[in-house]
Amino acid sequence: EEIVERFVRPGIGRLISLMRDVLGDGVDEKTVARCAFSVHFQIVSMSLARLPVCDVGTVFGAGLMQATCEEMTEHAVTFLMAGIDKIANTATGSKAS
């Protein structure tokens, strides 16, 4: 528990703060925390499963998912940012770009 309090919670707190800044004032704290969790989960998943993530053709079919780790990372960032943009724009009443 001490490790979580000293090392994990501060990082998660910074991620939540960053997510709050990105999403803007119109987004409630529950949604901010869920978005931060989604980003955290994506990063952890890709870190822990580097080989399976970069060899997704084994699971999804070789012709469909051939990609380098860099390409998969770029896709993950694009996918996450589109979701974050949608949530932020929904909260402010703007249309997604």
N, C-alpha and C. Protein backbone atom coordinates (compact mmCIF):
# COMPACT_ATOMS: atom_id res chain seq x y z
N GLU A 1 0.81 -1.19 0.00
CA GLU A 1 0.00 0.00 0.00
C GLU A 1 0.87 1.27 0.00
N GLU A 2 1.98 1.21 0.71
CA GLU A 2 2.88 2.37 0.74
C GLU A 2 3.45 2.67 -0.65
N ILE A 3 3.77 1.63 -1.40
CA ILE A 3 4.29 1.82 -2.76
C ILE A 3 3.24 2.51 -3.63
N VAL A 4 2.01 2.08 -3.51
CA VAL A 4 0.93 2.71 -4.28
C VAL A 4 0.81 4.18 -3.92
N GLU A 5 0.81 4.48 -2.63
CA GLU A 5 0.67 5.87 -2.18
C GLU A 5 1.85 6.75 -2.60
N ARG A 6 3.05 6.19 -2.55
CA ARG A 6 4.25 6.99 -2.85
C ARG A 6 4.53 7.12 -4.34
N PHE A 7 4.24 6.08 -5.11
CA PHE A 7 4.68 6.08 -6.50
C PHE A 7 3.54 6.04 -7.52
N VAL A 8 2.50 5.31 -7.25
CA VAL A 8 1.43 5.14 -8.24
C VAL A 8 0.44 6.30 -8.21
N ARG A 9 -0.10 6.61 -7.04
CA ARG A 9 -1.12 7.67 -6.95
C ARG A 9 -0.63 9.03 -7.45
N PRO A 10 0.59 9.44 -7.15
CA PRO A 10 1.03 10.74 -7.70
C PRO A 10 1.02 10.76 -9.23
N GLY A 11 1.45 9.69 -9.86
CA GLY A 11 1.44 9.63 -11.32
C GLY A 11 0.03 9.64 -11.88
N ILE A 12 -0.85 8.89 -11.24
CA ILE A 12 -2.25 8.87 -11.66
C ILE A 12 -2.86 10.26 -11.44
N GLY A 13 -2.51 10.90 -10.35
CA GLY A 13 -3.00 12.26 -10.10
C GLY A 13 -2.56 13.22 -11.18
N ARG A 14 -1.32 13.11 -11.63
CA ARG A 14 -0.83 13.97 -12.72
C ARG A 14 -1.56 13.67 -14.02
N LEU A 15 -1.83 12.38 -14.27
CA LEU A 15 -2.55 12.00 -15.48
C LEU A 15 -3.98 12.55 -15.45
N ILE A 16 -4.63 12.46 -14.31
CA ILE A 16 -5.99 13.00 -14.18
C ILE A 16 -5.96 14.52 -14.38
N SER A 17 -4.99 15.19 -13.81
CA SER A 17 -4.86 16.64 -13.98
C SER A 17 -4.65 17.01 -15.44
N LEU A 18 -3.78 16.28 -16.11
CA LEU A 18 -3.54 16.51 -17.54
C LEU A 18 -4.82 16.27 -18.33
N MET A 19 -5.52 15.20 -18.01
CA MET A 19 -6.76 14.88 -18.72
C MET A 19 -7.80 15.97 -18.50
N ARG A 20 -7.87 16.50 -17.27
CA ARG A 20 -8.81 17.60 -16.97
C ARG A 20 -8.48 18.81 -17.84
N ASP A 21 -7.19 19.12 -17.99
CA ASP A 21 -6.76 20.24 -18.83
C ASP A 21 -7.14 20.02 -20.29
N VAL A 22 -6.94 18.80 -20.76
CA VAL A 22 -7.23 18.48 -22.17
C VAL A 22 -8.74 18.53 -22.43
N LEU A 23 -9.52 17.97 -21.52
CA LEU A 23 -10.97 17.89 -21.72
C LEU A 23 -11.68 19.22 -21.50
N GLY A 24 -11.16 20.05 -20.65
CA GLY A 24 -11.79 21.34 -20.39
C GLY A 24 -12.74 21.30 -19.20
N ASP A 25 -13.27 22.47 -18.88
CA ASP A 25 -14.08 22.64 -17.68
C ASP A 25 -15.45 21.98 -17.74
N GLY A 26 -15.97 21.72 -18.92
CA GLY A 26 -17.33 21.21 -19.03
C GLY A 26 -17.49 19.72 -18.76
N VAL A 27 -16.40 19.03 -18.45
CA VAL A 27 -16.45 17.58 -18.26
C VAL A 27 -16.41 17.26 -16.77
N ASP A 28 -17.34 16.40 -16.32
CA ASP A 28 -17.40 16.05 -14.90
C ASP A 28 -16.22 15.18 -14.49
N GLU A 29 -15.96 15.14 -13.19
CA GLU A 29 -14.79 14.44 -12.65
C GLU A 29 -14.82 12.93 -12.92
N LYS A 30 -15.99 12.33 -12.93
CA LYS A 30 -16.09 10.89 -13.21
C LYS A 30 -15.61 10.60 -14.64
N THR A 31 -16.03 11.43 -15.58
CA THR A 31 -15.61 11.25 -16.97
C THR A 31 -14.12 11.51 -17.13
N VAL A 32 -13.61 12.54 -16.44
CA VAL A 32 -12.16 12.83 -16.48
C VAL A 32 -11.39 11.62 -15.98
N ALA A 33 -11.80 11.05 -14.86
CA ALA A 33 -11.12 9.89 -14.30
C ALA A 33 -11.21 8.69 -15.24
N ARG A 34 -12.35 8.49 -15.85
CA ARG A 34 -12.51 7.36 -16.79
C ARG A 34 -11.61 7.53 -18.01
N CYS A 35 -11.50 8.75 -18.50
CA CYS A 35 -10.60 9.00 -19.64
C CYS A 35 -9.15 8.75 -19.24
N ALA A 36 -8.78 9.22 -18.06
CA ALA A 36 -7.41 8.98 -17.57
C ALA A 36 -7.15 7.48 -17.43
N PHE A 37 -8.14 6.74 -16.91
CA PHE A 37 -8.00 5.29 -16.80
C PHE A 37 -7.81 4.66 -18.17
N SER A 38 -8.56 5.11 -19.16
CA SER A 38 -8.45 4.55 -20.51
C SER A 38 -7.05 4.76 -21.08
N VAL A 39 -6.51 5.96 -20.90
CA VAL A 39 -5.15 6.24 -21.37
C VAL A 39 -4.15 5.36 -20.62
N HIS A 40 -4.29 5.31 -19.30
CA HIS A 40 -3.39 4.49 -18.48
C HIS A 40 -3.46 3.02 -18.90
N PHE A 41 -4.66 2.51 -19.07
CA PHE A 41 -4.84 1.11 -19.44
C PHE A 41 -4.21 0.80 -20.79
N GLN A 42 -4.38 1.69 -21.73
CA GLN A 42 -3.79 1.49 -23.07
C GLN A 42 -2.27 1.44 -22.98
N ILE A 43 -1.69 2.34 -22.22
CA ILE A 43 -0.23 2.38 -22.07
C ILE A 43 0.27 1.11 -21.39
N VAL A 44 -0.37 0.74 -20.29
CA VAL A 44 0.05 -0.46 -19.55
C VAL A 44 -0.12 -1.70 -20.42
N SER A 45 -1.24 -1.81 -21.11
CA SER A 45 -1.49 -2.98 -21.96
C SER A 45 -0.42 -3.12 -23.03
N MET A 46 -0.08 -2.02 -23.67
CA MET A 46 0.92 -2.09 -24.73
C MET A 46 2.31 -2.35 -24.15
N SER A 47 2.57 -1.86 -22.96
CA SER A 47 3.87 -2.09 -22.34
C SER A 47 4.04 -3.53 -21.90
N LEU A 48 3.01 -4.08 -21.27
CA LEU A 48 3.09 -5.44 -20.76
C LEU A 48 3.02 -6.50 -21.85
N ALA A 49 2.37 -6.15 -22.94
CA ALA A 49 2.16 -7.15 -23.99
C ALA A 49 2.82 -6.72 -25.29
N ARG A 50 3.99 -6.14 -25.20
CA ARG A 50 4.66 -5.58 -26.38
C ARG A 50 4.69 -6.55 -27.55
N LEU A 51 5.13 -7.75 -27.34
CA LEU A 51 5.20 -8.69 -28.46
C LEU A 51 3.84 -9.06 -29.01
N PRO A 52 2.86 -9.44 -28.17
CA PRO A 52 1.54 -9.74 -28.74
C PRO A 52 0.91 -8.54 -29.43
N VAL A 53 1.08 -7.34 -28.87
CA VAL A 53 0.49 -6.16 -29.50
C VAL A 53 1.10 -5.92 -30.87
N CYS A 54 2.41 -6.10 -30.96
CA CYS A 54 3.09 -5.84 -32.22
C CYS A 54 2.96 -7.00 -33.19
N ASP A 55 2.45 -8.12 -32.73
CA ASP A 55 2.23 -9.27 -33.59
C ASP A 55 0.75 -9.63 -33.59
N VAL A 56 -0.09 -8.60 -33.71
CA VAL A 56 -1.52 -8.82 -33.66
C VAL A 56 -2.04 -9.65 -34.82
N GLY A 57 -1.24 -9.78 -35.88
CA GLY A 57 -1.64 -10.62 -37.01
C GLY A 57 -1.89 -12.05 -36.59
N THR A 58 -1.21 -12.51 -35.54
CA THR A 58 -1.40 -13.86 -35.04
C THR A 58 -2.83 -14.04 -34.56
N VAL A 59 -3.40 -13.02 -33.95
CA VAL A 59 -4.75 -13.10 -33.41
C VAL A 59 -5.80 -12.69 -34.44
N PHE A 60 -5.55 -11.61 -35.17
CA PHE A 60 -6.55 -11.04 -36.06
C PHE A 60 -6.44 -11.49 -37.51
N GLY A 61 -5.41 -12.19 -37.85
CA GLY A 61 -5.20 -12.62 -39.23
C GLY A 61 -4.05 -11.86 -39.85
N ALA A 62 -3.10 -12.58 -40.40
CA ALA A 62 -1.85 -11.99 -40.88
C ALA A 62 -2.07 -10.87 -41.88
N GLY A 63 -3.01 -11.02 -42.81
CA GLY A 63 -3.21 -10.00 -43.83
C GLY A 63 -3.88 -8.75 -43.31
N LEU A 64 -4.61 -8.86 -42.21
CA LEU A 64 -5.38 -7.73 -41.71
C LEU A 64 -4.58 -6.79 -40.83
N MET A 65 -3.66 -7.31 -40.05
CA MET A 65 -3.07 -6.51 -38.99
C MET A 65 -1.55 -6.41 -39.02
N GLN A 66 -0.94 -6.56 -40.17
CA GLN A 66 0.50 -6.43 -40.21
C GLN A 66 0.87 -4.99 -39.88
N ALA A 67 1.63 -4.81 -38.84
CA ALA A 67 2.01 -3.46 -38.41
C ALA A 67 3.23 -3.53 -37.53
N THR A 68 4.00 -2.47 -37.56
CA THR A 68 5.13 -2.36 -36.64
C THR A 68 4.60 -1.85 -35.30
N CYS A 69 5.43 -1.95 -34.27
CA CYS A 69 5.05 -1.40 -32.97
C CYS A 69 4.78 0.10 -33.08
N GLU A 70 5.56 0.80 -33.88
CA GLU A 70 5.37 2.23 -34.05
C GLU A 70 4.01 2.52 -34.70
N GLU A 71 3.63 1.72 -35.69
CA GLU A 71 2.33 1.91 -36.35
C GLU A 71 1.18 1.64 -35.38
N MET A 72 1.31 0.62 -34.55
CA MET A 72 0.28 0.31 -33.57
C MET A 72 0.19 1.41 -32.50
N THR A 73 1.34 1.94 -32.11
CA THR A 73 1.34 3.02 -31.14
C THR A 73 0.67 4.26 -31.73
N GLU A 74 1.00 4.59 -32.96
CA GLU A 74 0.37 5.74 -33.62
C GLU A 74 -1.14 5.54 -33.72
N HIS A 75 -1.56 4.33 -34.06
CA HIS A 75 -3.01 4.06 -34.11
C HIS A 75 -3.65 4.26 -32.74
N ALA A 76 -3.01 3.74 -31.69
CA ALA A 76 -3.56 3.85 -30.34
C ALA A 76 -3.70 5.32 -29.94
N VAL A 77 -2.70 6.12 -30.23
CA VAL A 77 -2.75 7.55 -29.90
C VAL A 77 -3.87 8.23 -30.68
N THR A 78 -3.99 7.95 -31.97
CA THR A 78 -5.04 8.55 -32.79
C THR A 78 -6.42 8.15 -32.27
N PHE A 79 -6.57 6.88 -31.95
CA PHE A 79 -7.84 6.36 -31.45
C PHE A 79 -8.22 7.02 -30.12
N LEU A 80 -7.26 7.08 -29.19
CA LEU A 80 -7.52 7.70 -27.89
C LEU A 80 -7.84 9.19 -28.03
N MET A 81 -7.07 9.89 -28.85
CA MET A 81 -7.29 11.33 -29.00
C MET A 81 -8.65 11.63 -29.63
N ALA A 82 -9.09 10.78 -30.55
CA ALA A 82 -10.42 10.97 -31.15
C ALA A 82 -11.50 10.81 -30.09
N GLY A 83 -11.35 9.84 -29.22
CA GLY A 83 -12.31 9.65 -28.13
C GLY A 83 -12.31 10.82 -27.16
N ILE A 84 -11.13 11.27 -26.81
CA ILE A 84 -11.00 12.41 -25.90
C ILE A 84 -11.62 13.66 -26.54
N ASP A 85 -11.34 13.87 -27.81
CA ASP A 85 -11.90 15.01 -28.54
C ASP A 85 -13.43 14.94 -28.55
N LYS A 86 -13.97 13.77 -28.79
CA LYS A 86 -15.43 13.59 -28.82
C LYS A 86 -16.04 13.93 -27.47
N ILE A 87 -15.44 13.45 -26.39
CA ILE A 87 -15.96 13.73 -25.05
C ILE A 87 -15.87 15.22 -24.74
N ALA A 88 -14.75 15.83 -25.05
CA ALA A 88 -14.58 17.26 -24.79
C ALA A 88 -15.59 18.08 -25.59
N ASN A 89 -15.77 17.74 -26.85
CA ASN A 89 -16.70 18.49 -27.70
C ASN A 89 -18.15 18.26 -27.28
N THR A 90 -18.48 17.09 -26.82
CA THR A 90 -19.84 16.81 -26.34
C THR A 90 -20.13 17.66 -25.11
N ALA A 91 -19.14 17.78 -24.23
CA ALA A 91 -19.32 18.55 -23.00
C ALA A 91 -19.50 20.04 -23.27
N THR A 92 -18.85 20.53 -24.33
CA THR A 92 -18.94 21.97 -24.64
C THR A 92 -20.02 22.28 -25.68
N GLY A 93 -20.63 21.23 -26.21
CA GLY A 93 -21.67 21.43 -27.21
C GLY A 93 -21.13 21.67 -28.61
N SER A 94 -19.83 21.50 -28.79
CA SER A 94 -19.21 21.67 -30.11
C SER A 94 -19.33 20.39 -30.91
N LYS A 95 -19.21 20.52 -32.22
CA LYS A 95 -19.16 19.32 -33.06
C LYS A 95 -17.74 18.83 -33.12
N ALA A 96 -17.58 17.49 -33.13
CA ALA A 96 -16.24 16.89 -33.20
C ALA A 96 -15.57 17.30 -34.50
N SER A 97 -14.25 17.54 -34.40
CA SER A 97 -13.49 17.93 -35.58
C SER A 97 -13.05 16.73 -36.38
